[in-house]
Amino acid sequence: MTSQAKTKRRIVSSRHLADGEGWEASEVEYGMIIAYNAFCRWMNRCMSAAGNTDLTPLEILVLHNTNHRGRDKRLTDICFLLNIEDTHTVSYALKKLMKMGLLSSEKRGKEVFYRTSQEGADLCDAYRSVRDRCFVDGLANLDISGEEMREIASSLRVLSGQYDQASRAAASL
């Protein structure tokens, strides 16, 4: 295969979604699919190396989000910050994390606020240590600057907004 033929190959999630205008979106979607699955696998293995083998990727995200900035969080805060619409999945994760002793809660009026326990905060610190050794240290090999990483993050957030808008439009059909 010539180098010109290689550059014209499209790596897409589904060929039937890559025909015509906007085929590049399918290429981005495929990149997001494999990145999502790699990230979920990474979270599980990082958390296992940190000392807990019983958490799902969502539970890991909820634990880290609850630990974020050391502030108490409500269910709605966690769902909003993680962009999760199905509150029952986060509610289940919170209950499991509490049962494991990684979170505690306090009812204030009609609201329940969650915070990490010392055990939960220690687990988040252990996760960070593994993350630093296994992931962050390897970023230097990619030759991507901090500014470029921030631009990638910004692009992902912009795409997220486009998908959210498209999902609202699709729900109205």
N, C-alpha and C. Protein backbone atom coordinates (compact mmCIF):
# COMPACT_ATOMS: atom_id res chain seq x y z
N MET A 1 0.85 -1.17 0.00
CA MET A 1 0.00 0.00 0.00
C MET A 1 0.89 1.23 0.00
N THR A 2 0.60 2.20 -0.82
CA THR A 2 1.40 3.42 -0.89
C THR A 2 1.12 4.29 0.32
N SER A 3 2.04 5.21 0.61
CA SER A 3 1.83 6.11 1.75
C SER A 3 0.62 7.00 1.51
N GLN A 4 0.35 7.35 0.24
CA GLN A 4 -0.83 8.16 -0.06
C GLN A 4 -2.11 7.38 0.25
N ALA A 5 -2.14 6.09 -0.07
CA ALA A 5 -3.31 5.26 0.23
C ALA A 5 -3.48 5.12 1.73
N LYS A 6 -2.36 5.02 2.47
CA LYS A 6 -2.45 4.92 3.93
C LYS A 6 -3.05 6.17 4.54
N THR A 7 -2.69 7.34 4.03
CA THR A 7 -3.21 8.58 4.60
C THR A 7 -4.68 8.77 4.29
N LYS A 8 -5.20 8.13 3.28
CA LYS A 8 -6.61 8.28 2.93
C LYS A 8 -7.51 7.28 3.65
N ARG A 9 -6.90 6.28 4.32
CA ARG A 9 -7.71 5.31 5.04
C ARG A 9 -8.42 5.98 6.20
N ARG A 10 -9.64 5.63 6.36
CA ARG A 10 -10.44 6.19 7.43
C ARG A 10 -10.57 5.15 8.54
N ILE A 11 -10.25 5.55 9.74
CA ILE A 11 -10.42 4.68 10.90
C ILE A 11 -11.66 5.17 11.61
N VAL A 12 -12.76 4.46 11.42
CA VAL A 12 -14.05 4.94 11.88
C VAL A 12 -14.72 3.90 12.77
N SER A 13 -15.72 4.35 13.52
CA SER A 13 -16.43 3.44 14.42
C SER A 13 -17.37 2.52 13.64
N SER A 14 -18.03 3.06 12.65
CA SER A 14 -19.00 2.29 11.87
C SER A 14 -19.02 2.85 10.46
N ARG A 15 -18.66 2.04 9.51
CA ARG A 15 -18.57 2.50 8.12
C ARG A 15 -19.88 3.13 7.64
N HIS A 16 -21.01 2.57 8.06
CA HIS A 16 -22.28 3.12 7.61
C HIS A 16 -22.54 4.53 8.15
N LEU A 17 -21.82 4.93 9.20
CA LEU A 17 -21.95 6.29 9.73
C LEU A 17 -20.91 7.24 9.13
N ALA A 18 -20.02 6.68 8.31
CA ALA A 18 -18.90 7.47 7.79
C ALA A 18 -19.04 7.80 6.31
N ASP A 19 -20.20 7.59 5.75
CA ASP A 19 -20.42 7.92 4.34
C ASP A 19 -20.89 9.36 4.22
N GLY A 20 -20.38 10.05 3.22
CA GLY A 20 -20.86 11.40 2.93
C GLY A 20 -20.22 12.46 3.80
N GLU A 21 -20.92 13.58 3.90
CA GLU A 21 -20.43 14.72 4.67
C GLU A 21 -20.31 14.35 6.15
N GLY A 22 -19.30 14.91 6.77
CA GLY A 22 -19.14 14.71 8.20
C GLY A 22 -18.58 13.36 8.60
N TRP A 23 -17.95 12.66 7.64
CA TRP A 23 -17.41 11.33 7.99
C TRP A 23 -16.37 11.42 9.10
N GLU A 24 -15.73 12.58 9.23
CA GLU A 24 -14.70 12.74 10.25
C GLU A 24 -15.27 12.58 11.66
N ALA A 25 -16.55 12.86 11.83
CA ALA A 25 -17.18 12.67 13.14
C ALA A 25 -17.11 11.21 13.56
N SER A 26 -17.25 10.29 12.60
CA SER A 26 -17.16 8.88 12.94
C SER A 26 -15.74 8.51 13.36
N GLU A 27 -14.77 9.17 12.77
CA GLU A 27 -13.38 8.94 13.17
C GLU A 27 -13.14 9.43 14.61
N VAL A 28 -13.69 10.59 14.93
CA VAL A 28 -13.59 11.11 16.30
C VAL A 28 -14.32 10.17 17.26
N GLU A 29 -15.51 9.72 16.87
CA GLU A 29 -16.28 8.82 17.74
C GLU A 29 -15.52 7.53 18.01
N TYR A 30 -14.86 7.00 17.00
CA TYR A 30 -14.06 5.79 17.22
C TYR A 30 -12.93 6.08 18.21
N GLY A 31 -12.29 7.22 18.05
CA GLY A 31 -11.24 7.61 19.01
C GLY A 31 -11.79 7.71 20.42
N MET A 32 -12.99 8.28 20.57
CA MET A 32 -13.60 8.40 21.90
C MET A 32 -13.97 7.03 22.46
N ILE A 33 -14.46 6.14 21.61
CA ILE A 33 -14.83 4.80 22.06
C ILE A 33 -13.61 4.07 22.62
N ILE A 34 -12.52 4.07 21.87
CA ILE A 34 -11.36 3.33 22.36
C ILE A 34 -10.71 4.05 23.54
N ALA A 35 -10.76 5.39 23.55
CA ALA A 35 -10.23 6.14 24.70
C ALA A 35 -11.08 5.86 25.95
N TYR A 36 -12.40 5.85 25.80
CA TYR A 36 -13.30 5.57 26.93
C TYR A 36 -13.01 4.18 27.51
N ASN A 37 -12.91 3.19 26.64
CA ASN A 37 -12.66 1.84 27.13
C ASN A 37 -11.28 1.71 27.76
N ALA A 38 -10.27 2.35 27.18
CA ALA A 38 -8.93 2.34 27.77
C ALA A 38 -8.94 3.05 29.12
N PHE A 39 -9.67 4.16 29.21
CA PHE A 39 -9.74 4.91 30.46
C PHE A 39 -10.43 4.10 31.55
N CYS A 40 -11.52 3.43 31.21
CA CYS A 40 -12.21 2.58 32.19
C CYS A 40 -11.30 1.45 32.67
N ARG A 41 -10.61 0.82 31.73
CA ARG A 41 -9.68 -0.25 32.09
C ARG A 41 -8.57 0.30 32.99
N TRP A 42 -8.05 1.47 32.64
CA TRP A 42 -7.01 2.11 33.43
C TRP A 42 -7.50 2.40 34.85
N MET A 43 -8.69 3.00 34.98
CA MET A 43 -9.21 3.32 36.32
C MET A 43 -9.30 2.07 37.18
N ASN A 44 -9.81 0.98 36.60
CA ASN A 44 -9.93 -0.27 37.37
C ASN A 44 -8.57 -0.78 37.81
N ARG A 45 -7.61 -0.79 36.91
CA ARG A 45 -6.29 -1.33 37.24
C ARG A 45 -5.52 -0.41 38.17
N CYS A 46 -5.68 0.88 37.99
CA CYS A 46 -5.02 1.83 38.89
C CYS A 46 -5.60 1.68 40.30
N MET A 47 -6.92 1.58 40.40
CA MET A 47 -7.55 1.43 41.71
C MET A 47 -7.17 0.10 42.34
N SER A 48 -7.05 -0.94 41.54
CA SER A 48 -6.61 -2.24 42.08
C SER A 48 -5.20 -2.13 42.65
N ALA A 49 -4.31 -1.46 41.90
CA ALA A 49 -2.94 -1.27 42.37
C ALA A 49 -2.90 -0.39 43.62
N ALA A 50 -3.88 0.51 43.75
CA ALA A 50 -3.97 1.38 44.92
C ALA A 50 -4.53 0.65 46.14
N GLY A 51 -5.12 -0.54 45.90
CA GLY A 51 -5.56 -1.33 47.04
C GLY A 51 -7.02 -1.72 47.09
N ASN A 52 -7.82 -1.37 46.06
CA ASN A 52 -9.22 -1.74 46.08
C ASN A 52 -9.61 -2.34 44.73
N THR A 53 -10.04 -3.58 44.77
CA THR A 53 -10.40 -4.29 43.52
C THR A 53 -11.90 -4.37 43.30
N ASP A 54 -12.69 -3.74 44.17
CA ASP A 54 -14.14 -3.92 44.14
C ASP A 54 -14.93 -2.77 43.54
N LEU A 55 -14.26 -1.78 42.94
CA LEU A 55 -14.98 -0.61 42.44
C LEU A 55 -15.09 -0.61 40.93
N THR A 56 -16.24 -0.18 40.44
CA THR A 56 -16.46 -0.01 39.01
C THR A 56 -15.91 1.36 38.59
N PRO A 57 -15.74 1.59 37.30
CA PRO A 57 -15.28 2.92 36.87
C PRO A 57 -16.18 4.06 37.38
N LEU A 58 -17.49 3.88 37.35
CA LEU A 58 -18.38 4.93 37.84
C LEU A 58 -18.15 5.17 39.33
N GLU A 59 -17.99 4.13 40.09
CA GLU A 59 -17.75 4.29 41.54
C GLU A 59 -16.43 5.00 41.80
N ILE A 60 -15.43 4.71 40.99
CA ILE A 60 -14.13 5.39 41.12
C ILE A 60 -14.30 6.87 40.83
N LEU A 61 -15.03 7.21 39.76
CA LEU A 61 -15.27 8.61 39.43
C LEU A 61 -16.05 9.32 40.54
N VAL A 62 -17.05 8.65 41.09
CA VAL A 62 -17.85 9.24 42.17
C VAL A 62 -16.98 9.46 43.40
N LEU A 63 -16.14 8.50 43.72
CA LEU A 63 -15.24 8.64 44.88
C LEU A 63 -14.32 9.84 44.69
N HIS A 64 -13.67 9.93 43.53
CA HIS A 64 -12.76 11.05 43.29
C HIS A 64 -13.51 12.38 43.28
N ASN A 65 -14.69 12.42 42.67
CA ASN A 65 -15.45 13.66 42.63
C ASN A 65 -15.88 14.08 44.03
N THR A 66 -16.28 13.12 44.85
CA THR A 66 -16.68 13.44 46.22
C THR A 66 -15.48 13.96 47.02
N ASN A 67 -14.32 13.44 46.73
CA ASN A 67 -13.09 13.86 47.42
C ASN A 67 -12.58 15.22 46.92
N HIS A 68 -13.00 15.61 45.73
CA HIS A 68 -12.53 16.84 45.06
C HIS A 68 -12.66 18.07 45.96
N ARG A 69 -11.56 18.73 46.18
CA ARG A 69 -11.47 19.98 46.95
C ARG A 69 -11.91 19.85 48.41
N GLY A 70 -12.12 18.63 48.88
CA GLY A 70 -12.47 18.43 50.28
C GLY A 70 -13.79 19.04 50.69
N ARG A 71 -14.68 19.24 49.73
CA ARG A 71 -15.98 19.84 50.02
C ARG A 71 -17.08 18.78 49.99
N ASP A 72 -18.04 18.92 50.86
CA ASP A 72 -19.19 18.03 50.85
C ASP A 72 -19.96 18.22 49.56
N LYS A 73 -20.53 17.12 49.05
CA LYS A 73 -21.25 17.16 47.78
C LYS A 73 -22.63 16.52 47.95
N ARG A 74 -23.59 17.05 47.21
CA ARG A 74 -24.91 16.44 47.11
C ARG A 74 -24.94 15.54 45.87
N LEU A 75 -25.90 14.66 45.81
CA LEU A 75 -26.08 13.81 44.64
C LEU A 75 -26.15 14.66 43.37
N THR A 76 -26.92 15.74 43.42
CA THR A 76 -27.07 16.58 42.23
C THR A 76 -25.75 17.24 41.83
N ASP A 77 -24.91 17.60 42.80
CA ASP A 77 -23.60 18.19 42.49
C ASP A 77 -22.73 17.19 41.74
N ILE A 78 -22.71 15.97 42.22
CA ILE A 78 -21.88 14.92 41.62
C ILE A 78 -22.36 14.62 40.21
N CYS A 79 -23.66 14.46 40.04
CA CYS A 79 -24.21 14.19 38.71
C CYS A 79 -23.91 15.33 37.75
N PHE A 80 -24.06 16.56 38.22
CA PHE A 80 -23.79 17.72 37.36
C PHE A 80 -22.33 17.75 36.94
N LEU A 81 -21.43 17.61 37.89
CA LEU A 81 -20.01 17.72 37.58
C LEU A 81 -19.50 16.58 36.70
N LEU A 82 -20.10 15.42 36.83
CA LEU A 82 -19.70 14.28 35.99
C LEU A 82 -20.55 14.18 34.72
N ASN A 83 -21.52 15.07 34.56
CA ASN A 83 -22.41 15.09 33.40
C ASN A 83 -23.17 13.77 33.26
N ILE A 84 -23.72 13.32 34.37
CA ILE A 84 -24.48 12.07 34.41
C ILE A 84 -25.94 12.39 34.62
N GLU A 85 -26.76 11.92 33.71
CA GLU A 85 -28.19 12.19 33.76
C GLU A 85 -28.94 11.19 34.65
N ASP A 86 -28.48 9.95 34.67
CA ASP A 86 -29.15 8.89 35.43
C ASP A 86 -28.72 8.92 36.89
N THR A 87 -29.44 9.72 37.68
CA THR A 87 -29.05 9.90 39.08
C THR A 87 -29.09 8.60 39.87
N HIS A 88 -29.94 7.67 39.46
CA HIS A 88 -30.03 6.42 40.23
C HIS A 88 -28.72 5.63 40.18
N THR A 89 -27.95 5.73 39.08
CA THR A 89 -26.67 5.00 39.02
C THR A 89 -25.67 5.63 39.98
N VAL A 90 -25.68 6.95 40.09
CA VAL A 90 -24.78 7.62 41.03
C VAL A 90 -25.24 7.37 42.46
N SER A 91 -26.54 7.37 42.68
CA SER A 91 -27.07 7.08 44.01
C SER A 91 -26.65 5.68 44.47
N TYR A 92 -26.72 4.71 43.57
CA TYR A 92 -26.29 3.35 43.90
C TYR A 92 -24.79 3.34 44.23
N ALA A 93 -24.00 4.06 43.44
CA ALA A 93 -22.55 4.12 43.69
C ALA A 93 -22.27 4.74 45.05
N LEU A 94 -22.98 5.81 45.40
CA LEU A 94 -22.80 6.45 46.70
C LEU A 94 -23.12 5.48 47.84
N LYS A 95 -24.21 4.73 47.70
CA LYS A 95 -24.58 3.77 48.74
C LYS A 95 -23.52 2.69 48.90
N LYS A 96 -23.00 2.20 47.78
CA LYS A 96 -21.95 1.18 47.83
C LYS A 96 -20.68 1.73 48.48
N LEU A 97 -20.29 2.94 48.11
CA LEU A 97 -19.09 3.55 48.68
C LEU A 97 -19.25 3.81 50.17
N MET A 98 -20.47 4.15 50.59
CA MET A 98 -20.72 4.34 52.02
C MET A 98 -20.64 3.00 52.75
N LYS A 99 -21.24 1.98 52.17
CA LYS A 99 -21.21 0.65 52.79
C LYS A 99 -19.78 0.14 52.95
N MET A 100 -18.91 0.52 52.01
CA MET A 100 -17.50 0.11 52.06
C MET A 100 -16.69 0.98 53.03
N GLY A 101 -17.31 2.02 53.57
CA GLY A 101 -16.61 2.90 54.50
C GLY A 101 -15.74 3.95 53.84
N LEU A 102 -15.91 4.16 52.53
CA LEU A 102 -15.10 5.13 51.80
C LEU A 102 -15.72 6.52 51.81
N LEU A 103 -17.02 6.59 52.09
CA LEU A 103 -17.75 7.85 52.19
C LEU A 103 -18.56 7.87 53.47
N SER A 104 -18.91 9.06 53.88
CA SER A 104 -19.90 9.23 54.94
C SER A 104 -20.90 10.26 54.45
N SER A 105 -22.01 10.37 55.14
CA SER A 105 -23.04 11.33 54.72
C SER A 105 -23.62 12.04 55.92
N GLU A 106 -24.24 13.17 55.64
CA GLU A 106 -24.90 13.96 56.67
C GLU A 106 -26.13 14.58 56.05
N LYS A 107 -27.26 14.42 56.73
CA LYS A 107 -28.50 15.03 56.24
C LYS A 107 -28.61 16.43 56.82
N ARG A 108 -28.85 17.39 55.92
CA ARG A 108 -29.05 18.79 56.31
C ARG A 108 -30.37 19.23 55.71
N GLY A 109 -31.37 19.34 56.52
CA GLY A 109 -32.71 19.63 56.02
C GLY A 109 -33.16 18.46 55.16
N LYS A 110 -33.54 18.75 53.95
CA LYS A 110 -33.98 17.68 53.04
C LYS A 110 -32.84 17.14 52.19
N GLU A 111 -31.66 17.73 52.28
CA GLU A 111 -30.53 17.36 51.43
C GLU A 111 -29.57 16.43 52.18
N VAL A 112 -28.97 15.52 51.43
CA VAL A 112 -27.93 14.64 51.97
C VAL A 112 -26.61 15.08 51.34
N PHE A 113 -25.61 15.30 52.18
CA PHE A 113 -24.28 15.69 51.73
C PHE A 113 -23.31 14.55 51.98
N TYR A 114 -22.43 14.30 51.01
CA TYR A 114 -21.48 13.21 51.07
C TYR A 114 -20.07 13.77 51.15
N ARG A 115 -19.20 13.05 51.85
CA ARG A 115 -17.79 13.40 51.93
C ARG A 115 -16.99 12.10 52.03
N THR A 116 -15.73 12.19 51.65
CA THR A 116 -14.90 11.00 51.79
C THR A 116 -14.53 10.82 53.25
N SER A 117 -14.49 9.57 53.66
CA SER A 117 -13.98 9.23 54.99
C SER A 117 -12.45 9.28 54.91
N GLN A 118 -11.78 9.12 56.03
CA GLN A 118 -10.32 9.09 56.00
C GLN A 118 -9.84 7.94 55.12
N GLU A 119 -10.53 6.79 55.21
CA GLU A 119 -10.17 5.64 54.37
C GLU A 119 -10.36 5.96 52.88
N GLY A 120 -11.43 6.67 52.56
CA GLY A 120 -11.67 7.06 51.17
C GLY A 120 -10.64 8.05 50.66
N ALA A 121 -10.28 9.03 51.51
CA ALA A 121 -9.26 10.00 51.13
C ALA A 121 -7.90 9.32 50.96
N ASP A 122 -7.59 8.38 51.84
CA ASP A 122 -6.32 7.64 51.72
C ASP A 122 -6.28 6.83 50.43
N LEU A 123 -7.42 6.24 50.06
CA LEU A 123 -7.48 5.47 48.82
C LEU A 123 -7.28 6.39 47.61
N CYS A 124 -7.88 7.57 47.65
CA CYS A 124 -7.68 8.55 46.56
C CYS A 124 -6.21 8.95 46.47
N ASP A 125 -5.54 9.12 47.61
CA ASP A 125 -4.11 9.45 47.61
C ASP A 125 -3.28 8.31 47.03
N ALA A 126 -3.63 7.06 47.39
CA ALA A 126 -2.91 5.90 46.85
C ALA A 126 -3.11 5.81 45.34
N TYR A 127 -4.33 6.08 44.87
CA TYR A 127 -4.63 6.10 43.44
C TYR A 127 -3.75 7.14 42.74
N ARG A 128 -3.68 8.33 43.35
CA ARG A 128 -2.86 9.39 42.75
C ARG A 128 -1.40 8.95 42.64
N SER A 129 -0.90 8.28 43.65
CA SER A 129 0.49 7.82 43.62
C SER A 129 0.73 6.84 42.48
N VAL A 130 -0.19 5.89 42.31
CA VAL A 130 -0.09 4.93 41.20
C VAL A 130 -0.22 5.66 39.87
N ARG A 131 -1.15 6.60 39.79
CA ARG A 131 -1.35 7.39 38.57
C ARG A 131 -0.08 8.14 38.19
N ASP A 132 0.54 8.77 39.17
CA ASP A 132 1.78 9.50 38.90
C ASP A 132 2.86 8.58 38.34
N ARG A 133 3.04 7.42 38.97
CA ARG A 133 4.10 6.50 38.54
C ARG A 133 3.81 5.85 37.20
N CYS A 134 2.57 5.47 36.97
CA CYS A 134 2.25 4.66 35.79
C CYS A 134 1.74 5.47 34.59
N PHE A 135 1.16 6.62 34.84
CA PHE A 135 0.59 7.38 33.73
C PHE A 135 1.29 8.73 33.54
N VAL A 136 1.28 9.56 34.56
CA VAL A 136 1.80 10.92 34.42
C VAL A 136 3.28 10.91 34.03
N ASP A 137 4.06 10.05 34.65
CA ASP A 137 5.49 9.99 34.31
C ASP A 137 5.69 9.64 32.83
N GLY A 138 4.80 8.85 32.26
CA GLY A 138 4.92 8.45 30.86
C GLY A 138 4.50 9.51 29.87
N LEU A 139 3.81 10.55 30.33
CA LEU A 139 3.36 11.61 29.42
C LEU A 139 4.53 12.33 28.76
N ALA A 140 5.66 12.39 29.44
CA ALA A 140 6.84 13.05 28.86
C ALA A 140 7.28 12.36 27.57
N ASN A 141 7.02 11.07 27.45
CA ASN A 141 7.39 10.33 26.24
C ASN A 141 6.51 10.68 25.05
N LEU A 142 5.35 11.27 25.29
CA LEU A 142 4.43 11.61 24.20
C LEU A 142 4.77 12.93 23.54
N ASP A 143 5.64 13.70 24.14
CA ASP A 143 6.03 14.99 23.58
C ASP A 143 4.82 15.89 23.37
N ILE A 144 3.93 15.90 24.37
CA ILE A 144 2.76 16.78 24.36
C ILE A 144 2.93 17.75 25.52
N SER A 145 2.89 19.03 25.23
CA SER A 145 3.08 20.05 26.27
C SER A 145 1.83 20.14 27.14
N GLY A 146 1.99 20.79 28.28
CA GLY A 146 0.85 21.03 29.16
C GLY A 146 -0.23 21.85 28.46
N GLU A 147 0.21 22.83 27.66
CA GLU A 147 -0.74 23.66 26.92
C GLU A 147 -1.52 22.81 25.91
N GLU A 148 -0.83 21.89 25.23
CA GLU A 148 -1.52 21.02 24.28
C GLU A 148 -2.50 20.09 25.00
N MET A 149 -2.14 19.63 26.19
CA MET A 149 -3.06 18.79 26.98
C MET A 149 -4.31 19.59 27.33
N ARG A 150 -4.13 20.86 27.71
CA ARG A 150 -5.29 21.70 28.04
C ARG A 150 -6.15 21.94 26.81
N GLU A 151 -5.54 22.08 25.63
CA GLU A 151 -6.31 22.26 24.39
C GLU A 151 -7.11 21.00 24.06
N ILE A 152 -6.52 19.83 24.27
CA ILE A 152 -7.24 18.56 24.05
C ILE A 152 -8.43 18.49 25.00
N ALA A 153 -8.20 18.82 26.26
CA ALA A 153 -9.29 18.80 27.25
C ALA A 153 -10.40 19.77 26.86
N SER A 154 -10.02 20.95 26.40
CA SER A 154 -11.01 21.93 25.98
C SER A 154 -11.82 21.41 24.79
N SER A 155 -11.14 20.80 23.83
CA SER A 155 -11.84 20.25 22.66
C SER A 155 -12.81 19.16 23.07
N LEU A 156 -12.42 18.32 24.02
CA LEU A 156 -13.32 17.26 24.49
C LEU A 156 -14.55 17.85 25.17
N ARG A 157 -14.36 18.91 25.94
CA ARG A 157 -15.51 19.56 26.58
C ARG A 157 -16.44 20.19 25.56
N VAL A 158 -15.88 20.80 24.52
CA VAL A 158 -16.69 21.38 23.46
C VAL A 158 -17.48 20.29 22.74
N LEU A 159 -16.81 19.18 22.41
CA LEU A 159 -17.52 18.06 21.77
C LEU A 159 -18.62 17.52 22.68
N SER A 160 -18.34 17.46 23.97
CA SER A 160 -19.35 17.01 24.92
C SER A 160 -20.60 17.88 24.84
N GLY A 161 -20.40 19.18 24.77
CA GLY A 161 -21.54 20.09 24.64
C GLY A 161 -22.31 19.86 23.35
N GLN A 162 -21.60 19.58 22.26
CA GLN A 162 -22.27 19.30 20.99
C GLN A 162 -23.10 18.02 21.09
N TYR A 163 -22.53 16.99 21.72
CA TYR A 163 -23.29 15.74 21.90
C TYR A 163 -24.48 15.94 22.82
N ASP A 164 -24.33 16.77 23.87
CA ASP A 164 -25.47 17.06 24.74
C ASP A 164 -26.58 17.77 23.97
N GLN A 165 -26.21 18.76 23.16
CA GLN A 165 -27.20 19.47 22.36
C GLN A 165 -27.88 18.53 21.37
N ALA A 166 -27.10 17.67 20.73
CA ALA A 166 -27.66 16.71 19.78
C ALA A 166 -28.59 15.73 20.49
N SER A 167 -28.25 15.34 21.72
CA SER A 167 -29.12 14.39 22.44
C SER A 167 -30.45 15.05 22.80
N ARG A 168 -30.43 16.34 23.13
CA ARG A 168 -31.69 17.06 23.39
C ARG A 168 -32.52 17.16 22.12
N ALA A 169 -31.86 17.42 21.00
CA ALA A 169 -32.58 17.49 19.73
C ALA A 169 -33.18 16.14 19.37
N ALA A 170 -32.40 15.07 19.57
CA ALA A 170 -32.91 13.73 19.24
C ALA A 170 -34.08 13.35 20.15
N ALA A 171 -34.03 13.78 21.40
CA ALA A 171 -35.13 13.47 22.33
C ALA A 171 -36.43 14.15 21.92
N SER A 172 -36.33 15.24 21.16
CA SER A 172 -37.55 15.95 20.75
C SER A 172 -38.12 15.43 19.45
N LEU A 173 -37.46 14.48 18.82
CA LEU A 173 -37.97 13.94 17.54
C LEU A 173 -39.12 13.00 17.74
